[in-house]
Amino acid sequence: MKRMLSGIKPTGRVTLGNYIGAIKPFVSFQDDYEMIIFVANLHSMTIYQEPKDLRQNTKDLIALYLAAGLDPERVTLFLQSDVKEHAQLGWYLNCMVSMGELSRMTQYKMQVEKAKARKDTSIGAGIFNYPSLMNADILLYDPDYVPVGEDQKQHVELARMVAERFNHRYSDTFKIPEPLTPRVGGRIMSLQDPTSKMSKSDPTGKGCIYMLDPINVSKKKIMSAVTDSDSHVRYDKENKPGISNLMEIYSILGHKSYEEIEAMYEGKGYGEFKKDLAEIVGAELQKVQDAYNQIMASGEIEKVLDEGAKKAGRIAYKKLAKVERKIGITIRK
């Protein structure tokens, strides 16, 4: 069975975009792949997090993974910080990547631009160096595939390059992973600005549906979503980004193709379409929230994380030991 690996940062509340673009696909992948999934809490430290918020967001994320249908019997699910080899390999790989390569990473350039806009001269070194930790996250487990959105493919490309560089210098050690991008639902956009990705850090919260939103709130957000000046329900991402974004959500959660949706709403306005979509989203959130509440009350999370860390730790320990022998950092055989 091929191995697949991914992780999500516990920064902010989990959105419908996270659920559709990452969590829901993981549930389907677990039938066909050996899945290793972690909560990237070390990456959350690149910007300041209120400790109580970080703890709650981390717990919520794990509970939502399980509520969505991830089976800990089939999936290795753990906290990144519980497997110390991530940080240690991250340092070794950080010494193999150039400052120029890191400075070209899109996320770093975006942070620099944001800092300039707010006239902030202080950018943490973690923002610059975190791709090396991400390289370690990936290469530690020799995955065949890393599912990512289009905006994250650059990180997998860097991991591939660093793996090839290490293998060339020290002999074959790391498997070269392949990025896997979903055809539909990989990038759900803001309900208020369909040219921007739905974000946990949405300043108003109106463009973003959170998985733990009250159901009536989520429905109102759908009903007030930006569309366009005409009233034809038609998928055209370039010319009709608003309705196309809503159709993407409908397609994933309602199990309909774009063609089927267009036929269903032929001659009907956006109002009826939005009303139906609001019901579909509300039903999905209700199902997940009911399971989430049961999991939070069960005390299951700690057990799942302990078992996941043990399983991941055994793989990570062997890989790090192999790396350390290759680079000469240890004198033990």
C-alpha atoms as a PDB file:
ATOM      1  CA  MET A   1       0.000   0.000   0.000  1.00  0.00           C
ATOM      2  CA  LYS A   2       1.372   3.424  -0.974  1.00  0.00           C
ATOM      3  CA  ARG A   3       2.004   5.893   1.858  1.00  0.00           C
ATOM      4  CA  MET A   4       0.484   9.375   2.033  1.00  0.00           C
ATOM      5  CA  LEU A   5       1.363  12.135   4.505  1.00  0.00           C
ATOM      6  CA  SER A   6      -0.103  15.506   5.397  1.00  0.00           C
ATOM      7  CA  GLY A   7      -0.618  17.940   8.249  1.00  0.00           C
ATOM      8  CA  ILE A   8      -2.616  21.026   9.189  1.00  0.00           C
ATOM      9  CA  LYS A   9      -1.558  23.870  11.478  1.00  0.00           C
ATOM     10  CA  PRO A  10      -3.770  24.449  14.545  1.00  0.00           C
ATOM     11  CA  THR A  11      -3.803  28.207  13.987  1.00  0.00           C
ATOM     12  CA  GLY A  12      -7.308  29.556  14.208  1.00  0.00           C
ATOM     13  CA  ARG A  13     -10.573  27.688  13.910  1.00  0.00           C
ATOM     14  CA  VAL A  14     -11.076  24.975  11.290  1.00  0.00           C
ATOM     15  CA  THR A  15     -12.945  26.259   8.239  1.00  0.00           C
ATOM     16  CA  LEU A  16     -15.223  24.656   5.695  1.00  0.00           C
ATOM     17  CA  GLY A  17     -12.359  25.211   3.242  1.00  0.00           C
ATOM     18  CA  ASN A  18     -10.028  23.099   5.427  1.00  0.00           C
ATOM     19  CA  TYR A  19     -12.708  20.435   5.695  1.00  0.00           C
ATOM     20  CA  ILE A  20     -13.446  20.242   1.962  1.00  0.00           C
ATOM     21  CA  GLY A  21      -9.877  20.739   0.765  1.00  0.00           C
ATOM     22  CA  ALA A  22      -8.014  18.531   3.233  1.00  0.00           C
ATOM     23  CA  ILE A  23      -9.919  16.672   5.939  1.00  0.00           C
ATOM     24  CA  LYS A  24     -12.686  15.193   3.781  1.00  0.00           C
ATOM     25  CA  PRO A  25     -10.243  13.887   1.143  1.00  0.00           C
ATOM     26  CA  PHE A  26      -8.155  12.279   3.918  1.00  0.00           C
ATOM     27  CA  VAL A  27     -11.206  10.254   4.926  1.00  0.00           C
ATOM     28  CA  SER A  28     -11.549   8.874   1.399  1.00  0.00           C
ATOM     29  CA  PHE A  29      -7.798   8.276   1.057  1.00  0.00           C
ATOM     30  CA  GLN A  30      -7.619   6.066   4.170  1.00  0.00           C
ATOM     31  CA  ASP A  31      -9.196   3.182   2.255  1.00  0.00           C
ATOM     32  CA  ASP A  32      -6.472   3.141  -0.385  1.00  0.00           C
ATOM     33  CA  TYR A  33      -3.321   4.470   1.288  1.00  0.00           C
ATOM     34  CA  GLU A  34      -1.309   4.103   4.451  1.00  0.00           C
ATOM     35  CA  MET A  35      -2.141   7.509   5.914  1.00  0.00           C
ATOM     36  CA  ILE A  36       0.146   9.479   8.247  1.00  0.00           C
ATOM     37  CA  ILE A  37      -1.503  12.694   9.409  1.00  0.00           C
ATOM     38  CA  PHE A  38      -0.193  15.104  12.006  1.00  0.00           C
ATOM     39  CA  VAL A  39      -1.187  18.367  13.619  1.00  0.00           C
ATOM     40  CA  ALA A  40       1.628  20.771  12.714  1.00  0.00           C
ATOM     41  CA  ASN A  41       1.795  22.543  16.065  1.00  0.00           C
ATOM     42  CA  LEU A  42       5.519  23.343  15.743  1.00  0.00           C
ATOM     43  CA  HIS A  43       4.689  25.340  12.621  1.00  0.00           C
ATOM     44  CA  SER A  44       2.074  27.283  14.575  1.00  0.00           C
ATOM     45  CA  MET A  45       4.904  28.928  16.532  1.00  0.00           C
ATOM     46  CA  THR A  46       6.056  31.039  13.580  1.00  0.00           C
ATOM     47  CA  ILE A  47       3.573  33.657  14.799  1.00  0.00           C
ATOM     48  CA  TYR A  48       2.515  34.308  18.385  1.00  0.00           C
ATOM     49  CA  GLN A  49      -0.369  32.175  19.620  1.00  0.00           C
ATOM     50  CA  GLU A  50      -2.260  32.684  22.849  1.00  0.00           C
ATOM     51  CA  PRO A  51      -1.457  29.437  24.737  1.00  0.00           C
ATOM     52  CA  LYS A  52      -5.085  28.758  25.688  1.00  0.00           C
ATOM     53  CA  ASP A  53      -6.199  29.325  22.090  1.00  0.00           C
ATOM     54  CA  LEU A  54      -3.472  27.067  20.708  1.00  0.00           C
ATOM     55  CA  ARG A  55      -4.452  24.276  23.107  1.00  0.00           C
ATOM     56  CA  GLN A  56      -8.139  24.589  22.218  1.00  0.00           C
ATOM     57  CA  ASN A  57      -7.543  24.836  18.468  1.00  0.00           C
ATOM     58  CA  THR A  58      -5.281  21.773  18.606  1.00  0.00           C
ATOM     59  CA  LYS A  59      -7.860  19.740  20.478  1.00  0.00           C
ATOM     60  CA  ASP A  60     -10.634  20.928  18.157  1.00  0.00           C
ATOM     61  CA  LEU A  61      -8.625  19.963  15.082  1.00  0.00           C
ATOM     62  CA  ILE A  62      -7.988  16.424  16.333  1.00  0.00           C
ATOM     63  CA  ALA A  63     -11.651  16.032  17.319  1.00  0.00           C
ATOM     64  CA  LEU A  64     -12.789  17.279  13.905  1.00  0.00           C
ATOM     65  CA  TYR A  65     -10.446  14.860  12.126  1.00  0.00           C
ATOM     66  CA  LEU A  66     -12.090  12.025  14.041  1.00  0.00           C
ATOM     67  CA  ALA A  67     -15.597  13.451  13.677  1.00  0.00           C
ATOM     68  CA  ALA A  68     -15.133  13.667   9.911  1.00  0.00           C
ATOM     69  CA  GLY A  69     -14.453   9.934   9.803  1.00  0.00           C
ATOM     70  CA  LEU A  70     -10.721   9.377  10.153  1.00  0.00           C
ATOM     71  CA  ASP A  71     -10.213   5.949  11.716  1.00  0.00           C
ATOM     72  CA  PRO A  72      -7.245   5.801  14.142  1.00  0.00           C
ATOM     73  CA  GLU A  73      -7.074   2.061  13.473  1.00  0.00           C
ATOM     74  CA  ARG A  74      -6.172   2.820   9.853  1.00  0.00           C
ATOM     75  CA  VAL A  75      -4.557   6.257  10.144  1.00  0.00           C
ATOM     76  CA  THR A  76      -1.503   7.309  12.152  1.00  0.00           C
ATOM     77  CA  LEU A  77      -2.694  10.557  13.753  1.00  0.00           C
ATOM     78  CA  PHE A  78      -0.402  12.505  16.088  1.00  0.00           C
ATOM     79  CA  LEU A  79       0.964  15.827  17.292  1.00  0.00           C
ATOM     80  CA  GLN A  80       4.116  16.966  15.523  1.00  0.00           C
ATOM     81  CA  SER A  81       5.666  18.072  18.829  1.00  0.00           C
ATOM     82  CA  ASP A  82       5.245  14.556  20.274  1.00  0.00           C
ATOM     83  CA  VAL A  83       7.769  13.192  17.771  1.00  0.00           C
ATOM     84  CA  LYS A  84      10.991  15.088  18.468  1.00  0.00           C
ATOM     85  CA  GLU A  85      12.692  13.756  15.349  1.00  0.00           C
ATOM     86  CA  HIS A  86      10.780  16.341  13.296  1.00  0.00           C
ATOM     87  CA  ALA A  87      12.689  19.215  14.892  1.00  0.00           C
ATOM     88  CA  GLN A  88      16.029  17.400  14.859  1.00  0.00           C
ATOM     89  CA  LEU A  89      15.863  16.398  11.201  1.00  0.00           C
ATOM     90  CA  GLY A  90      14.586  19.889  10.468  1.00  0.00           C
ATOM     91  CA  TRP A  91      17.892  21.298  11.717  1.00  0.00           C
ATOM     92  CA  TYR A  92      19.997  18.917   9.626  1.00  0.00           C
ATOM     93  CA  LEU A  93      18.024  19.755   6.495  1.00  0.00           C
ATOM     94  CA  ASN A  94      18.122  23.459   7.304  1.00  0.00           C
ATOM     95  CA  CYS A  95      21.883  23.190   6.910  1.00  0.00           C
ATOM     96  CA  MET A  96      21.413  21.819   3.394  1.00  0.00           C
ATOM     97  CA  VAL A  97      19.227  24.561   1.928  1.00  0.00           C
ATOM     98  CA  SER A  98      20.440  28.020   0.930  1.00  0.00           C
ATOM     99  CA  MET A  99      19.128  31.353   2.165  1.00  0.00           C
ATOM    100  CA  GLY A 100      18.312  32.220  -1.439  1.00  0.00           C
ATOM    101  CA  GLU A 101      16.124  29.142  -1.785  1.00  0.00           C
ATOM    102  CA  LEU A 102      14.259  29.944   1.424  1.00  0.00           C
ATOM    103  CA  SER A 103      13.828  33.602   0.514  1.00  0.00           C
ATOM    104  CA  ARG A 104      12.079  32.600  -2.728  1.00  0.00           C
ATOM    105  CA  MET A 105       9.335  30.735  -0.889  1.00  0.00           C
ATOM    106  CA  THR A 106       5.964  32.350  -1.543  1.00  0.00           C
ATOM    107  CA  GLN A 107       4.800  32.312   2.079  1.00  0.00           C
ATOM    108  CA  TYR A 108       7.935  34.154   3.225  1.00  0.00           C
ATOM    109  CA  LYS A 109       7.574  36.796   0.505  1.00  0.00           C
ATOM    110  CA  MET A 110       3.932  37.295   1.477  1.00  0.00           C
ATOM    111  CA  GLN A 111       4.875  37.811   5.122  1.00  0.00           C
ATOM    112  CA  VAL A 112       7.529  40.351   4.116  1.00  0.00           C
ATOM    113  CA  GLU A 113       4.963  42.293   2.078  1.00  0.00           C
ATOM    114  CA  LYS A 114       2.461  42.215   4.941  1.00  0.00           C
ATOM    115  CA  ALA A 115       5.149  43.440   7.351  1.00  0.00           C
ATOM    116  CA  LYS A 116       6.049  46.301   5.019  1.00  0.00           C
ATOM    117  CA  ALA A 117       2.394  47.274   4.723  1.00  0.00           C
ATOM    118  CA  ARG A 118       2.038  47.578   8.489  1.00  0.00           C
ATOM    119  CA  LYS A 119       5.532  49.143   8.784  1.00  0.00           C
ATOM    120  CA  ASP A 120       6.772  46.274  10.930  1.00  0.00           C
ATOM    121  CA  THR A 121      10.507  45.582  10.669  1.00  0.00           C
ATOM    122  CA  SER A 122      10.372  42.490  12.894  1.00  0.00           C
ATOM    123  CA  ILE A 123       9.832  39.180  11.089  1.00  0.00           C
ATOM    124  CA  GLY A 124      10.598  36.057  13.104  1.00  0.00           C
ATOM    125  CA  ALA A 125      13.307  33.719  11.824  1.00  0.00           C
ATOM    126  CA  GLY A 126      10.766  30.908  11.999  1.00  0.00           C
ATOM    127  CA  ILE A 127       8.868  32.463   9.071  1.00  0.00           C
ATOM    128  CA  PHE A 128      12.065  32.206   7.030  1.00  0.00           C
ATOM    129  CA  ASN A 129      13.233  28.751   8.193  1.00  0.00           C
ATOM    130  CA  TYR A 130       9.995  26.809   8.549  1.00  0.00           C
ATOM    131  CA  PRO A 131      10.206  25.202   5.049  1.00  0.00           C
ATOM    132  CA  SER A 132      13.186  23.205   6.366  1.00  0.00           C
ATOM    133  CA  LEU A 133      11.003  21.829   9.150  1.00  0.00           C
ATOM    134  CA  MET A 134       8.360  21.051   6.542  1.00  0.00           C
ATOM    135  CA  ASN A 135      10.986  19.193   4.528  1.00  0.00           C
ATOM    136  CA  ALA A 136      11.691  17.099   7.619  1.00  0.00           C
ATOM    137  CA  ASP A 137       7.971  16.503   8.219  1.00  0.00           C
ATOM    138  CA  ILE A 138       7.713  14.991   4.768  1.00  0.00           C
ATOM    139  CA  LEU A 139      11.017  13.164   4.303  1.00  0.00           C
ATOM    140  CA  LEU A 140      11.031  11.577   7.753  1.00  0.00           C
ATOM    141  CA  TYR A 141       8.301   9.141   6.691  1.00  0.00           C
ATOM    142  CA  ASP A 142       9.214   8.355   3.048  1.00  0.00           C
ATOM    143  CA  PRO A 143       5.721   9.086   1.718  1.00  0.00           C
ATOM    144  CA  ASP A 144       4.838   8.353  -1.879  1.00  0.00           C
ATOM    145  CA  TYR A 145       2.350  11.228  -2.005  1.00  0.00           C
ATOM    146  CA  VAL A 146       1.760  14.536  -0.221  1.00  0.00           C
ATOM    147  CA  PRO A 147      -1.718  15.985  -0.852  1.00  0.00           C
ATOM    148  CA  VAL A 148      -1.494  19.769  -1.135  1.00  0.00           C
ATOM    149  CA  GLY A 149      -3.375  22.699  -2.620  1.00  0.00           C
ATOM    150  CA  GLU A 150      -1.876  24.567  -5.560  1.00  0.00           C
ATOM    151  CA  ASP A 151      -0.530  27.220  -3.177  1.00  0.00           C
ATOM    152  CA  GLN A 152       1.468  24.606  -1.247  1.00  0.00           C
ATOM    153  CA  LYS A 153       3.044  22.655  -4.123  1.00  0.00           C
ATOM    154  CA  GLN A 154       6.176  24.801  -3.817  1.00  0.00           C
ATOM    155  CA  HIS A 155       6.902  23.240  -0.418  1.00  0.00           C
ATOM    156  CA  VAL A 156       6.792  19.710  -1.804  1.00  0.00           C
ATOM    157  CA  GLU A 157       9.051  20.767  -4.679  1.00  0.00           C
ATOM    158  CA  LEU A 158      11.583  22.087  -2.155  1.00  0.00           C
ATOM    159  CA  ALA A 159      11.389  18.816  -0.189  1.00  0.00           C
ATOM    160  CA  ARG A 160      12.027  16.870  -3.402  1.00  0.00           C
ATOM    161  CA  MET A 161      15.035  19.038  -4.214  1.00  0.00           C
ATOM    162  CA  VAL A 162      16.523  18.689  -0.719  1.00  0.00           C
ATOM    163  CA  ALA A 163      15.963  14.911  -0.767  1.00  0.00           C
ATOM    164  CA  GLU A 164      17.761  14.615  -4.102  1.00  0.00           C
ATOM    165  CA  ARG A 165      20.586  16.796  -2.799  1.00  0.00           C
ATOM    166  CA  PHE A 166      20.963  14.642   0.339  1.00  0.00           C
ATOM    167  CA  ASN A 167      20.798  11.388  -1.631  1.00  0.00           C
ATOM    168  CA  HIS A 168      23.437  12.619  -4.062  1.00  0.00           C
ATOM    169  CA  ARG A 169      25.758  13.711  -1.257  1.00  0.00           C
ATOM    170  CA  TYR A 170      25.324  10.805   1.168  1.00  0.00           C
ATOM    171  CA  SER A 171      23.751   7.975  -0.930  1.00  0.00           C
ATOM    172  CA  ASP A 172      20.084   6.999  -1.214  1.00  0.00           C
ATOM    173  CA  THR A 173      18.290   7.838   2.021  1.00  0.00           C
ATOM    174  CA  PHE A 174      15.007   9.587   1.250  1.00  0.00           C
ATOM    175  CA  LYS A 175      12.176   8.657  -1.079  1.00  0.00           C
ATOM    176  CA  ILE A 176      11.283  11.447  -3.515  1.00  0.00           C
ATOM    177  CA  PRO A 177       7.620  12.319  -2.803  1.00  0.00           C
ATOM    178  CA  GLU A 178       5.008  13.377  -5.334  1.00  0.00           C
ATOM    179  CA  PRO A 179       2.585  16.270  -4.697  1.00  0.00           C
ATOM    180  CA  LEU A 180      -1.059  15.311  -5.097  1.00  0.00           C
ATOM    181  CA  THR A 181      -3.518  18.120  -5.859  1.00  0.00           C
ATOM    182  CA  PRO A 182      -7.277  17.503  -5.898  1.00  0.00           C
ATOM    183  CA  ARG A 183      -9.180  18.286  -9.088  1.00  0.00           C
ATOM    184  CA  VAL A 184     -12.176  19.705  -7.212  1.00  0.00           C
ATOM    185  CA  GLY A 185     -12.367  21.444  -3.838  1.00  0.00           C
ATOM    186  CA  GLY A 186      -8.654  21.972  -3.329  1.00  0.00           C
ATOM    187  CA  ARG A 187      -9.014  25.725  -2.905  1.00  0.00           C
ATOM    188  CA  ILE A 188     -12.328  26.974  -1.517  1.00  0.00           C
ATOM    189  CA  MET A 189     -12.514  30.750  -1.753  1.00  0.00           C
ATOM    190  CA  SER A 190     -13.877  33.450   0.548  1.00  0.00           C
ATOM    191  CA  LEU A 191     -17.645  33.914   0.413  1.00  0.00           C
ATOM    192  CA  GLN A 192     -17.142  37.703   0.334  1.00  0.00           C
ATOM    193  CA  ASP A 193     -14.072  37.880  -1.904  1.00  0.00           C
ATOM    194  CA  PRO A 194     -14.023  34.896  -4.281  1.00  0.00           C
ATOM    195  CA  THR A 195     -10.590  35.928  -5.577  1.00  0.00           C
ATOM    196  CA  SER A 196      -9.048  35.121  -2.155  1.00  0.00           C
ATOM    197  CA  LYS A 197      -8.814  31.792  -0.370  1.00  0.00           C
ATOM    198  CA  MET A 198     -11.213  31.103   2.504  1.00  0.00           C
ATOM    199  CA  SER A 199      -8.994  31.884   5.487  1.00  0.00           C
ATOM    200  CA  LYS A 200      -9.011  31.180   9.216  1.00  0.00           C
ATOM    201  CA  SER A 201      -7.762  34.732   9.684  1.00  0.00           C
ATOM    202  CA  ASP A 202     -10.691  36.375   7.860  1.00  0.00           C
ATOM    203  CA  PRO A 203     -10.905  39.743   9.706  1.00  0.00           C
ATOM    204  CA  THR A 204     -14.716  39.950   9.561  1.00  0.00           C
ATOM    205  CA  GLY A 205     -15.549  36.236   9.632  1.00  0.00           C
ATOM    206  CA  LYS A 206     -18.258  36.832   6.999  1.00  0.00           C
ATOM    207  CA  GLY A 207     -16.330  35.246   4.161  1.00  0.00           C
ATOM    208  CA  CYS A 208     -15.470  32.161   6.144  1.00  0.00           C
ATOM    209  CA  ILE A 209     -17.608  29.303   7.476  1.00  0.00           C
ATOM    210  CA  TYR A 210     -16.122  27.636  10.541  1.00  0.00           C
ATOM    211  CA  MET A 211     -16.859  23.971  11.152  1.00  0.00           C
ATOM    212  CA  LEU A 212     -18.077  24.759  14.661  1.00  0.00           C
ATOM    213  CA  ASP A 213     -20.222  27.738  13.611  1.00  0.00           C
ATOM    214  CA  PRO A 214     -23.844  27.608  14.797  1.00  0.00           C
ATOM    215  CA  ILE A 215     -25.866  26.107  11.941  1.00  0.00           C
ATOM    216  CA  ASN A 216     -28.039  29.205  11.488  1.00  0.00           C
ATOM    217  CA  VAL A 217     -24.905  31.380  11.244  1.00  0.00           C
ATOM    218  CA  SER A 218     -23.424  29.196   8.506  1.00  0.00           C
ATOM    219  CA  LYS A 219     -26.679  29.378   6.526  1.00  0.00           C
ATOM    220  CA  LYS A 220     -26.749  33.169   6.759  1.00  0.00           C
ATOM    221  CA  LYS A 221     -23.185  33.334   5.454  1.00  0.00           C
ATOM    222  CA  ILE A 222     -24.152  31.248   2.428  1.00  0.00           C
ATOM    223  CA  MET A 223     -27.202  33.412   1.731  1.00  0.00           C
ATOM    224  CA  SER A 224     -25.094  36.603   1.850  1.00  0.00           C
ATOM    225  CA  ALA A 225     -22.254  35.187  -0.273  1.00  0.00           C
ATOM    226  CA  VAL A 226     -21.039  37.318  -3.189  1.00  0.00           C
ATOM    227  CA  THR A 227     -22.062  36.095  -6.654  1.00  0.00           C
ATOM    228  CA  ASP A 228     -22.290  38.326  -9.749  1.00  0.00           C
ATOM    229  CA  SER A 229     -24.656  40.606 -11.642  1.00  0.00           C
ATOM    230  CA  ASP A 230     -26.503  37.986 -13.680  1.00  0.00           C
ATOM    231  CA  SER A 231     -28.559  35.131 -12.236  1.00  0.00           C
ATOM    232  CA  HIS A 232     -27.383  32.095 -14.219  1.00  0.00           C
ATOM    233  CA  VAL A 233     -26.055  29.194 -12.171  1.00  0.00           C
ATOM    234  CA  ARG A 234     -23.104  28.323 -14.378  1.00  0.00           C
ATOM    235  CA  TYR A 235     -19.556  27.208 -13.575  1.00  0.00           C
ATOM    236  CA  ASP A 236     -17.086  29.711 -15.001  1.00  0.00           C
ATOM    237  CA  LYS A 237     -14.246  30.310 -12.568  1.00  0.00           C
ATOM    238  CA  GLU A 238     -12.697  33.164 -14.544  1.00  0.00           C
ATOM    239  CA  ASN A 239     -15.806  35.223 -15.311  1.00  0.00           C
ATOM    240  CA  LYS A 240     -18.125  34.086 -12.492  1.00  0.00           C
ATOM    241  CA  PRO A 241     -15.819  33.327  -9.531  1.00  0.00           C
ATOM    242  CA  GLY A 242     -18.490  33.836  -6.854  1.00  0.00           C
ATOM    243  CA  ILE A 243     -21.104  31.382  -8.099  1.00  0.00           C
ATOM    244  CA  SER A 244     -18.353  28.992  -9.255  1.00  0.00           C
ATOM    245  CA  ASN A 245     -16.975  28.883  -5.705  1.00  0.00           C
ATOM    246  CA  LEU A 246     -20.429  28.102  -4.316  1.00  0.00           C
ATOM    247  CA  MET A 247     -20.914  25.431  -6.972  1.00  0.00           C
ATOM    248  CA  GLU A 248     -17.644  23.841  -5.900  1.00  0.00           C
ATOM    249  CA  ILE A 249     -18.940  23.579  -2.327  1.00  0.00           C
ATOM    250  CA  TYR A 250     -22.278  22.220  -3.611  1.00  0.00           C
ATOM    251  CA  SER A 251     -20.507  19.668  -5.838  1.00  0.00           C
ATOM    252  CA  ILE A 252     -18.411  18.237  -2.999  1.00  0.00           C
ATOM    253  CA  LEU A 253     -21.035  18.200  -0.247  1.00  0.00           C
ATOM    254  CA  GLY A 254     -24.062  17.517  -2.484  1.00  0.00           C
ATOM    255  CA  HIS A 255     -22.320  14.850  -4.594  1.00  0.00           C
ATOM    256  CA  LYS A 256     -23.302  16.478  -7.893  1.00  0.00           C
ATOM    257  CA  SER A 257     -21.280  17.375 -10.968  1.00  0.00           C
ATOM    258  CA  TYR A 258     -21.205  20.957 -12.201  1.00  0.00           C
ATOM    259  CA  GLU A 259     -23.293  19.884 -15.181  1.00  0.00           C
ATOM    260  CA  GLU A 260     -25.936  18.347 -12.918  1.00  0.00           C
ATOM    261  CA  ILE A 261     -26.078  21.482 -10.778  1.00  0.00           C
ATOM    262  CA  GLU A 262     -26.422  23.727 -13.845  1.00  0.00           C
ATOM    263  CA  ALA A 263     -29.291  21.548 -15.145  1.00  0.00           C
ATOM    264  CA  MET A 264     -31.042  21.561 -11.751  1.00  0.00           C
ATOM    265  CA  TYR A 265     -31.083  25.366 -11.603  1.00  0.00           C
ATOM    266  CA  GLU A 266     -31.709  26.139 -15.266  1.00  0.00           C
ATOM    267  CA  GLY A 267     -34.092  29.113 -15.333  1.00  0.00           C
ATOM    268  CA  LYS A 268     -33.880  29.585 -11.564  1.00  0.00           C
ATOM    269  CA  GLY A 269     -32.187  32.421  -9.712  1.00  0.00           C
ATOM    270  CA  TYR A 270     -29.335  32.510  -7.242  1.00  0.00           C
ATOM    271  CA  GLY A 271     -31.745  32.773  -4.311  1.00  0.00           C
ATOM    272  CA  GLU A 272     -33.096  29.251  -4.713  1.00  0.00           C
ATOM    273  CA  PHE A 273     -29.611  27.870  -5.353  1.00  0.00           C
ATOM    274  CA  LYS A 274     -28.223  29.531  -2.221  1.00  0.00           C
ATOM    275  CA  LYS A 275     -31.146  28.350  -0.099  1.00  0.00           C
ATOM    276  CA  ASP A 276     -30.535  24.735  -1.135  1.00  0.00           C
ATOM    277  CA  LEU A 277     -26.780  25.064  -0.640  1.00  0.00           C
ATOM    278  CA  ALA A 278     -27.340  26.532   2.833  1.00  0.00           C
ATOM    279  CA  GLU A 279     -29.346  23.419   3.755  1.00  0.00           C
ATOM    280  CA  ILE A 280     -26.640  21.115   2.379  1.00  0.00           C
ATOM    281  CA  VAL A 281     -23.889  22.937   4.309  1.00  0.00           C
ATOM    282  CA  GLY A 282     -26.017  23.036   7.462  1.00  0.00           C
ATOM    283  CA  ALA A 283     -26.681  19.290   7.310  1.00  0.00           C
ATOM    284  CA  GLU A 284     -22.966  18.541   6.853  1.00  0.00           C
ATOM    285  CA  LEU A 285     -21.973  20.769   9.764  1.00  0.00           C
ATOM    286  CA  GLN A 286     -24.663  19.241  11.984  1.00  0.00           C
ATOM    287  CA  LYS A 287     -23.396  15.714  11.269  1.00  0.00           C
ATOM    288  CA  VAL A 288     -19.790  16.657  12.029  1.00  0.00           C
ATOM    289  CA  GLN A 289     -20.680  18.725  15.103  1.00  0.00           C
ATOM    290  CA  ASP A 290     -22.726  15.890  16.616  1.00  0.00           C
ATOM    291  CA  ALA A 291     -19.768  13.522  16.230  1.00  0.00           C
ATOM    292  CA  TYR A 292     -17.362  16.225  17.511  1.00  0.00           C
ATOM    293  CA  ASN A 293     -19.414  16.677  20.705  1.00  0.00           C
ATOM    294  CA  GLN A 294     -19.383  12.933  21.374  1.00  0.00           C
ATOM    295  CA  ILE A 295     -15.619  12.730  20.860  1.00  0.00           C
ATOM    296  CA  MET A 296     -14.896  15.714  23.100  1.00  0.00           C
ATOM    297  CA  ALA A 297     -16.975  14.135  25.870  1.00  0.00           C
ATOM    298  CA  SER A 298     -15.390  10.689  25.490  1.00  0.00           C
ATOM    299  CA  GLY A 299     -11.774  11.487  26.399  1.00  0.00           C
ATOM    300  CA  GLU A 300     -10.717   9.595  23.262  1.00  0.00           C
ATOM    301  CA  ILE A 301      -8.355  12.264  21.944  1.00  0.00           C
ATOM    302  CA  GLU A 302      -5.481  11.631  24.375  1.00  0.00           C
ATOM    303  CA  LYS A 303      -5.491   7.900  23.635  1.00  0.00           C
ATOM    304  CA  VAL A 304      -5.502   8.472  19.881  1.00  0.00           C
ATOM    305  CA  LEU A 305      -2.576  10.907  20.123  1.00  0.00           C
ATOM    306  CA  ASP A 306      -0.549   8.597  22.373  1.00  0.00           C
ATOM    307  CA  GLU A 307      -0.973   5.647  20.023  1.00  0.00           C
ATOM    308  CA  GLY A 308      -0.300   7.784  16.965  1.00  0.00           C
ATOM    309  CA  ALA A 309       2.895   9.220  18.429  1.00  0.00           C
ATOM    310  CA  LYS A 310       4.171   5.718  19.227  1.00  0.00           C
ATOM    311  CA  LYS A 311       3.558   4.495  15.690  1.00  0.00           C
ATOM    312  CA  ALA A 312       5.029   7.611  14.073  1.00  0.00           C
ATOM    313  CA  GLY A 313       7.912   7.658  16.537  1.00  0.00           C
ATOM    314  CA  ARG A 314       9.065   4.174  15.548  1.00  0.00           C
ATOM    315  CA  ILE A 315       9.301   5.195  11.882  1.00  0.00           C
ATOM    316  CA  ALA A 316      10.902   8.557  12.663  1.00  0.00           C
ATOM    317  CA  TYR A 317      13.500   7.071  15.048  1.00  0.00           C
ATOM    318  CA  LYS A 318      14.766   4.629  12.409  1.00  0.00           C
ATOM    319  CA  LYS A 319      14.938   7.277   9.701  1.00  0.00           C
ATOM    320  CA  LEU A 320      16.758   9.819  11.890  1.00  0.00           C
ATOM    321  CA  ALA A 321      19.261   7.170  13.034  1.00  0.00           C
ATOM    322  CA  LYS A 322      19.969   6.352   9.394  1.00  0.00           C
ATOM    323  CA  VAL A 323      20.451  10.042   8.562  1.00  0.00           C
ATOM    324  CA  GLU A 324      22.807  10.559  11.496  1.00  0.00           C
ATOM    325  CA  ARG A 325      24.955   7.601  10.457  1.00  0.00           C
ATOM    326  CA  LYS A 326      25.135   8.919   6.910  1.00  0.00           C
ATOM    327  CA  ILE A 327      26.165  12.462   7.869  1.00  0.00           C
ATOM    328  CA  GLY A 328      28.618  11.346  10.563  1.00  0.00           C
ATOM    329  CA  ILE A 329      26.921  13.151  13.467  1.00  0.00           C
ATOM    330  CA  THR A 330      27.032   9.993  15.582  1.00  0.00           C
ATOM    331  CA  ILE A 331      29.891   7.599  16.276  1.00  0.00           C
ATOM    332  CA  ARG A 332      27.583   4.775  17.387  1.00  0.00           C
ATOM    333  CA  LYS A 333      27.047   1.869  15.021  1.00  0.00           C
END
